[in-house]
C-alpha atoms as a PDB file:
ATOM      1  CA  UNK A   1      -0.217   0.056  -0.140  1.00  0.00           C
ATOM      2  CA  UNK A   2       1.232   3.502  -1.208  1.00  0.00           C
ATOM      3  CA  UNK A   3       1.431   5.372   2.306  1.00  0.00           C
ATOM      4  CA  UNK A   4       3.219   8.474   0.687  1.00  0.00           C
ATOM      5  CA  UNK A   5       1.309  11.413   0.888  1.00  0.00           C
ATOM      6  CA  UNK A   6       0.940  13.249  -2.260  1.00  0.00           C
ATOM      7  CA  UNK A   7       1.466  17.185  -1.996  1.00  0.00           C
ATOM      8  CA  UNK A   8      -1.847  19.117  -1.572  1.00  0.00           C
ATOM      9  CA  UNK A   9      -2.594  21.993  -3.928  1.00  0.00           C
ATOM     10  CA  UNK A  10      -2.062  25.351  -2.107  1.00  0.00           C
ATOM     11  CA  UNK A  11      -5.193  26.884  -0.661  1.00  0.00           C
ATOM     12  CA  UNK A  12      -3.772  30.369  -1.178  1.00  0.00           C
ATOM     13  CA  UNK A  13      -4.160  32.087  -4.256  1.00  0.00           C
ATOM     14  CA  UNK A  14      -1.278  34.704  -5.301  1.00  0.00           C
ATOM     15  CA  UNK A  15      -1.817  38.213  -4.612  1.00  0.00           C
ATOM     16  CA  UNK A  16      -2.830  39.705  -7.748  1.00  0.00           C
ATOM     17  CA  UNK A  17      -1.774  43.039  -6.494  1.00  0.00           C
ATOM     18  CA  UNK A  18       1.840  41.668  -5.852  1.00  0.00           C
ATOM     19  CA  UNK A  19       4.501  43.844  -7.181  1.00  0.00           C
ATOM     20  CA  UNK A  20       2.214  46.196  -8.844  1.00  0.00           C
ATOM     21  CA  UNK A  21       2.812  50.045  -7.809  1.00  0.00           C
ATOM     22  CA  UNK A  22       1.145  53.528  -8.835  1.00  0.00           C
ATOM     23  CA  UNK A  23       2.949  56.827  -8.508  1.00  0.00           C
ATOM     24  CA  UNK A  24       0.791  60.080  -8.220  1.00  0.00           C
ATOM     25  CA  UNK A  25       3.193  62.789  -9.473  1.00  0.00           C
ATOM     26  CA  UNK A  26       1.810  66.382  -8.798  1.00  0.00           C
ATOM     27  CA  UNK A  27       2.562  70.110  -8.398  1.00  0.00           C
ATOM     28  CA  UNK A  28       0.907  72.070  -5.792  1.00  0.00           C
ATOM     29  CA  UNK A  29       1.688  75.737  -4.692  1.00  0.00           C
ATOM     30  CA  UNK A  30      -0.758  76.077  -1.744  1.00  0.00           C
ATOM     31  CA  UNK A  31      -1.849  72.302  -0.738  1.00  0.00           C
ATOM     32  CA  UNK A  32      -4.985  71.863  -2.471  1.00  0.00           C
ATOM     33  CA  UNK A  33      -3.828  69.811  -5.426  1.00  0.00           C
ATOM     34  CA  UNK A  34      -1.554  67.869  -3.073  1.00  0.00           C
ATOM     35  CA  UNK A  35      -4.535  66.998  -0.909  1.00  0.00           C
ATOM     36  CA  UNK A  36      -6.245  65.541  -4.031  1.00  0.00           C
ATOM     37  CA  UNK A  37      -3.007  63.557  -4.746  1.00  0.00           C
ATOM     38  CA  UNK A  38      -3.190  61.954  -1.583  1.00  0.00           C
ATOM     39  CA  UNK A  39      -6.612  61.200  -1.899  1.00  0.00           C
ATOM     40  CA  UNK A  40      -6.130  59.220  -5.032  1.00  0.00           C
ATOM     41  CA  UNK A  41      -3.287  57.449  -3.090  1.00  0.00           C
ATOM     42  CA  UNK A  42      -5.697  56.635  -0.264  1.00  0.00           C
ATOM     43  CA  UNK A  43      -8.184  54.993  -2.802  1.00  0.00           C
ATOM     44  CA  UNK A  44      -5.295  53.158  -4.450  1.00  0.00           C
ATOM     45  CA  UNK A  45      -4.327  51.747  -1.150  1.00  0.00           C
ATOM     46  CA  UNK A  46      -7.743  50.054  -1.035  1.00  0.00           C
ATOM     47  CA  UNK A  47      -6.000  47.515  -3.374  1.00  0.00           C
ATOM     48  CA  UNK A  48      -2.572  47.715  -3.062  1.00  0.00           C
ATOM     49  CA  UNK A  49       0.049  47.718  -0.093  1.00  0.00           C
ATOM     50  CA  UNK A  50       0.987  51.286   1.072  1.00  0.00           C
ATOM     51  CA  UNK A  51       4.233  51.110  -0.031  1.00  0.00           C
ATOM     52  CA  UNK A  52       3.191  50.380  -3.391  1.00  0.00           C
ATOM     53  CA  UNK A  53       1.020  53.469  -3.852  1.00  0.00           C
ATOM     54  CA  UNK A  54       2.659  56.908  -3.369  1.00  0.00           C
ATOM     55  CA  UNK A  55       2.071  60.666  -3.986  1.00  0.00           C
ATOM     56  CA  UNK A  56       5.228  62.223  -5.462  1.00  0.00           C
ATOM     57  CA  UNK A  57       5.903  65.941  -5.242  1.00  0.00           C
ATOM     58  CA  UNK A  58       7.700  67.171  -8.410  1.00  0.00           C
ATOM     59  CA  UNK A  59      10.288  69.119  -6.212  1.00  0.00           C
ATOM     60  CA  UNK A  60      11.054  65.773  -4.769  1.00  0.00           C
ATOM     61  CA  UNK A  61      10.945  63.226  -7.495  1.00  0.00           C
ATOM     62  CA  UNK A  62      11.890  59.587  -6.864  1.00  0.00           C
ATOM     63  CA  UNK A  63      12.860  58.723 -10.417  1.00  0.00           C
ATOM     64  CA  UNK A  64      13.445  55.025  -9.606  1.00  0.00           C
ATOM     65  CA  UNK A  65      10.091  54.676  -8.267  1.00  0.00           C
ATOM     66  CA  UNK A  66       8.507  56.340 -11.361  1.00  0.00           C
ATOM     67  CA  UNK A  67      10.373  54.236 -13.641  1.00  0.00           C
ATOM     68  CA  UNK A  68       9.327  50.934 -12.214  1.00  0.00           C
ATOM     69  CA  UNK A  69       5.841  52.033 -11.390  1.00  0.00           C
ATOM     70  CA  UNK A  70       3.185  50.435 -13.450  1.00  0.00           C
ATOM     71  CA  UNK A  71       0.928  53.506 -13.328  1.00  0.00           C
ATOM     72  CA  UNK A  72       1.784  57.223 -13.538  1.00  0.00           C
ATOM     73  CA  UNK A  73      -1.011  59.638 -12.524  1.00  0.00           C
ATOM     74  CA  UNK A  74      -0.001  63.299 -13.353  1.00  0.00           C
ATOM     75  CA  UNK A  75      -1.826  66.156 -11.560  1.00  0.00           C
ATOM     76  CA  UNK A  76      -1.677  69.869 -11.721  1.00  0.00           C
ATOM     77  CA  UNK A  77      -3.504  73.128 -10.660  1.00  0.00           C
ATOM     78  CA  UNK A  78      -4.769  75.214 -13.623  1.00  0.00           C
ATOM     79  CA  UNK A  79      -2.991  78.516 -14.276  1.00  0.00           C
ATOM     80  CA  UNK A  80      -4.155  80.602 -17.011  1.00  0.00           C
ATOM     81  CA  UNK A  81      -5.792  77.793 -18.847  1.00  0.00           C
ATOM     82  CA  UNK A  82      -3.068  75.713 -18.658  1.00  0.00           C
ATOM     83  CA  UNK A  83      -0.860  73.055 -16.112  1.00  0.00           C
ATOM     84  CA  UNK A  84       1.500  75.197 -14.023  1.00  0.00           C
ATOM     85  CA  UNK A  85       5.004  76.055 -15.503  1.00  0.00           C
ATOM     86  CA  UNK A  86       6.551  73.650 -12.855  1.00  0.00           C
ATOM     87  CA  UNK A  87       4.500  70.588 -14.340  1.00  0.00           C
ATOM     88  CA  UNK A  88       5.601  71.613 -17.699  1.00  0.00           C
ATOM     89  CA  UNK A  89       9.186  71.670 -16.610  1.00  0.00           C
ATOM     90  CA  UNK A  90       8.685  68.124 -15.292  1.00  0.00           C
ATOM     91  CA  UNK A  91       7.366  66.923 -18.525  1.00  0.00           C
ATOM     92  CA  UNK A  92      10.585  68.597 -20.174  1.00  0.00           C
ATOM     93  CA  UNK A  93      12.621  66.750 -17.612  1.00  0.00           C
ATOM     94  CA  UNK A  94      11.498  63.353 -19.008  1.00  0.00           C
ATOM     95  CA  UNK A  95      12.674  64.038 -22.779  1.00  0.00           C
ATOM     96  CA  UNK A  96      15.317  61.534 -22.531  1.00  0.00           C
ATOM     97  CA  UNK A  97      12.890  58.886 -21.200  1.00  0.00           C
ATOM     98  CA  UNK A  98      10.533  59.811 -24.179  1.00  0.00           C
ATOM     99  CA  UNK A  99      13.356  59.375 -26.615  1.00  0.00           C
ATOM    100  CA  UNK A 100      14.451  56.035 -24.928  1.00  0.00           C
ATOM    101  CA  UNK A 101      10.956  55.096 -24.919  1.00  0.00           C
ATOM    102  CA  UNK A 102      11.255  54.128 -20.903  1.00  0.00           C
ATOM    103  CA  UNK A 103       7.588  54.497 -20.197  1.00  0.00           C
ATOM    104  CA  UNK A 104       6.331  52.822 -23.236  1.00  0.00           C
ATOM    105  CA  UNK A 105       3.326  50.766 -22.291  1.00  0.00           C
ATOM    106  CA  UNK A 106       3.038  51.917 -18.745  1.00  0.00           C
ATOM    107  CA  UNK A 107      -0.727  53.165 -17.387  1.00  0.00           C
ATOM    108  CA  UNK A 108      -1.212  56.837 -17.162  1.00  0.00           C
ATOM    109  CA  UNK A 109      -4.082  58.875 -15.778  1.00  0.00           C
ATOM    110  CA  UNK A 110      -4.529  62.592 -14.782  1.00  0.00           C
ATOM    111  CA  UNK A 111      -6.260  65.081 -12.621  1.00  0.00           C
ATOM    112  CA  UNK A 112      -6.727  68.984 -12.677  1.00  0.00           C
ATOM    113  CA  UNK A 113      -7.501  71.312  -9.964  1.00  0.00           C
ATOM    114  CA  UNK A 114      -9.013  74.780 -10.414  1.00  0.00           C
ATOM    115  CA  UNK A 115     -10.446  77.550  -8.353  1.00  0.00           C
ATOM    116  CA  UNK A 116     -13.372  77.896 -10.772  1.00  0.00           C
ATOM    117  CA  UNK A 117     -16.318  75.058 -11.337  1.00  0.00           C
ATOM    118  CA  UNK A 118     -14.832  74.687 -14.822  1.00  0.00           C
ATOM    119  CA  UNK A 119     -11.676  76.496 -14.774  1.00  0.00           C
ATOM    120  CA  UNK A 120     -10.508  75.315 -17.964  1.00  0.00           C
ATOM    121  CA  UNK A 121      -9.607  71.902 -16.292  1.00  0.00           C
ATOM    122  CA  UNK A 122     -10.430  70.044 -19.545  1.00  0.00           C
ATOM    123  CA  UNK A 123      -7.490  71.805 -21.369  1.00  0.00           C
ATOM    124  CA  UNK A 124      -4.923  70.654 -18.453  1.00  0.00           C
ATOM    125  CA  UNK A 125      -6.120  66.983 -18.792  1.00  0.00           C
ATOM    126  CA  UNK A 126      -5.869  67.101 -22.479  1.00  0.00           C
ATOM    127  CA  UNK A 127      -2.286  68.537 -21.925  1.00  0.00           C
ATOM    128  CA  UNK A 128      -1.383  65.522 -19.577  1.00  0.00           C
ATOM    129  CA  UNK A 129      -2.879  63.176 -21.830  1.00  0.00           C
ATOM    130  CA  UNK A 130      -1.090  64.407 -25.097  1.00  0.00           C
ATOM    131  CA  UNK A 131       1.977  64.102 -22.879  1.00  0.00           C
ATOM    132  CA  UNK A 132       1.271  60.163 -21.958  1.00  0.00           C
ATOM    133  CA  UNK A 133       0.565  59.545 -25.594  1.00  0.00           C
ATOM    134  CA  UNK A 134       4.080  61.037 -26.549  1.00  0.00           C
ATOM    135  CA  UNK A 135       5.407  58.371 -24.224  1.00  0.00           C
ATOM    136  CA  UNK A 136       3.734  55.583 -25.464  1.00  0.00           C
ATOM    137  CA  UNK A 137       1.773  55.194 -22.417  1.00  0.00           C
ATOM    138  CA  UNK A 138      -2.050  53.581 -21.974  1.00  0.00           C
ATOM    139  CA  UNK A 139      -4.648  56.277 -20.455  1.00  0.00           C
ATOM    140  CA  UNK A 140      -7.226  55.291 -17.983  1.00  0.00           C
ATOM    141  CA  UNK A 141     -10.112  58.025 -17.975  1.00  0.00           C
ATOM    142  CA  UNK A 142     -12.931  58.355 -15.488  1.00  0.00           C
ATOM    143  CA  UNK A 143     -15.800  56.097 -16.022  1.00  0.00           C
ATOM    144  CA  UNK A 144     -18.114  57.351 -12.944  1.00  0.00           C
ATOM    145  CA  UNK A 145     -21.321  58.813 -13.987  1.00  0.00           C
ATOM    146  CA  UNK A 146     -22.228  61.703 -11.870  1.00  0.00           C
ATOM    147  CA  UNK A 147     -23.994  61.367  -8.748  1.00  0.00           C
ATOM    148  CA  UNK A 148     -25.416  64.763  -8.789  1.00  0.00           C
ATOM    149  CA  UNK A 149     -24.109  68.265  -9.070  1.00  0.00           C
ATOM    150  CA  UNK A 150     -24.044  69.379  -5.325  1.00  0.00           C
ATOM    151  CA  UNK A 151     -20.636  69.709  -3.408  1.00  0.00           C
ATOM    152  CA  UNK A 152     -21.069  66.249  -1.904  1.00  0.00           C
ATOM    153  CA  UNK A 153     -21.817  64.306  -5.165  1.00  0.00           C
ATOM    154  CA  UNK A 154     -19.383  62.244  -7.224  1.00  0.00           C
ATOM    155  CA  UNK A 155     -17.651  63.404 -10.223  1.00  0.00           C
ATOM    156  CA  UNK A 156     -20.155  66.461  -9.805  1.00  0.00           C
ATOM    157  CA  UNK A 157     -18.600  68.270 -12.791  1.00  0.00           C
ATOM    158  CA  UNK A 158     -19.049  65.280 -15.147  1.00  0.00           C
ATOM    159  CA  UNK A 159     -15.486  64.767 -16.217  1.00  0.00           C
ATOM    160  CA  UNK A 160     -14.786  61.724 -17.966  1.00  0.00           C
ATOM    161  CA  UNK A 161     -11.106  62.222 -19.520  1.00  0.00           C
ATOM    162  CA  UNK A 162      -9.832  62.302 -15.935  1.00  0.00           C
ATOM    163  CA  UNK A 163     -10.271  63.655 -12.396  1.00  0.00           C
ATOM    164  CA  UNK A 164     -11.425  67.250 -12.076  1.00  0.00           C
ATOM    165  CA  UNK A 165     -11.629  69.151  -8.655  1.00  0.00           C
ATOM    166  CA  UNK A 166     -12.370  72.731  -7.339  1.00  0.00           C
ATOM    167  CA  UNK A 167     -10.761  74.568  -4.656  1.00  0.00           C
ATOM    168  CA  UNK A 168     -12.176  77.375  -3.170  1.00  0.00           C
ATOM    169  CA  UNK A 169     -10.426  80.524  -1.444  1.00  0.00           C
ATOM    170  CA  UNK A 170      -9.832  78.445   1.950  1.00  0.00           C
ATOM    171  CA  UNK A 171      -7.420  76.404   3.224  1.00  0.00           C
ATOM    172  CA  UNK A 172      -6.473  72.876   1.722  1.00  0.00           C
ATOM    173  CA  UNK A 173      -7.993  71.204   5.067  1.00  0.00           C
ATOM    174  CA  UNK A 174     -11.453  72.782   3.833  1.00  0.00           C
ATOM    175  CA  UNK A 175     -11.283  72.769   0.002  1.00  0.00           C
ATOM    176  CA  UNK A 176     -11.870  70.741  -2.298  1.00  0.00           C
ATOM    177  CA  UNK A 177     -15.084  69.792  -0.757  1.00  0.00           C
ATOM    178  CA  UNK A 178     -16.352  66.257   0.510  1.00  0.00           C
ATOM    179  CA  UNK A 179     -17.380  65.208  -3.030  1.00  0.00           C
ATOM    180  CA  UNK A 180     -14.515  66.118  -4.787  1.00  0.00           C
ATOM    181  CA  UNK A 181     -12.261  64.458  -2.476  1.00  0.00           C
ATOM    182  CA  UNK A 182     -14.520  61.147  -2.488  1.00  0.00           C
ATOM    183  CA  UNK A 183     -14.369  61.183  -6.012  1.00  0.00           C
ATOM    184  CA  UNK A 184     -10.361  61.405  -6.045  1.00  0.00           C
ATOM    185  CA  UNK A 185     -10.285  58.364  -3.497  1.00  0.00           C
ATOM    186  CA  UNK A 186     -12.977  56.488  -5.854  1.00  0.00           C
ATOM    187  CA  UNK A 187     -10.673  57.257  -8.888  1.00  0.00           C
ATOM    188  CA  UNK A 188      -7.403  56.015  -6.936  1.00  0.00           C
ATOM    189  CA  UNK A 189      -9.433  52.781  -6.129  1.00  0.00           C
ATOM    190  CA  UNK A 190     -10.396  52.727  -9.716  1.00  0.00           C
ATOM    191  CA  UNK A 191      -6.845  52.938 -11.206  1.00  0.00           C
ATOM    192  CA  UNK A 192      -5.568  50.347  -8.959  1.00  0.00           C
ATOM    193  CA  UNK A 193      -8.388  47.827  -9.791  1.00  0.00           C
ATOM    194  CA  UNK A 194      -7.573  48.548 -13.644  1.00  0.00           C
ATOM    195  CA  UNK A 195      -3.657  47.745 -13.504  1.00  0.00           C
ATOM    196  CA  UNK A 196      -4.590  44.705 -11.472  1.00  0.00           C
ATOM    197  CA  UNK A 197      -7.268  43.437 -13.744  1.00  0.00           C
ATOM    198  CA  UNK A 198      -5.134  43.778 -16.883  1.00  0.00           C
ATOM    199  CA  UNK A 199      -1.848  42.749 -15.326  1.00  0.00           C
ATOM    200  CA  UNK A 200       0.056  40.731 -17.882  1.00  0.00           C
ATOM    201  CA  UNK A 201      -0.192  37.003 -17.140  1.00  0.00           C
ATOM    202  CA  UNK A 202       3.316  35.586 -16.190  1.00  0.00           C
END
């Protein structure tokens, strides 16, 4: 009688988020855009370990983390209908990465924050999207239908290219409001779910 025990199949399932990471790169003069970036990271960490989802200020860029990240989210305040000069400088600093196609095939997304309800945020998202296309990246939009148009509603400005938020003339602890921050958290969660769902099969 063969009494040798055959190895039993493992009951554990490999973590689908293992090794995946998200970098949220932003420029924020007054802290409002930073708060949105951190809310996106909060949402992403609902799917990914804390160390694998990070907000990165353009004044303190961890290039190694960006280069290995699976998804790069770019965010800017809106100045004069455009992304800030600082974000544009960051974009230009990646020209060698563009030339060598270092970020080709990565996922990308964007967000824009302005004082006005419209504030020409769409123009900034288009700038960011075009930048990502220059790098050969794969864009993830905002597929969330608005829950309404009040300050507590999700995606209240009906943006689908990316995340749009609004800051009033108040400290970043108070604005953007609850609806916009909750939308940013939703967006981060969605982004993480997307890269997990579409991760290459090894």
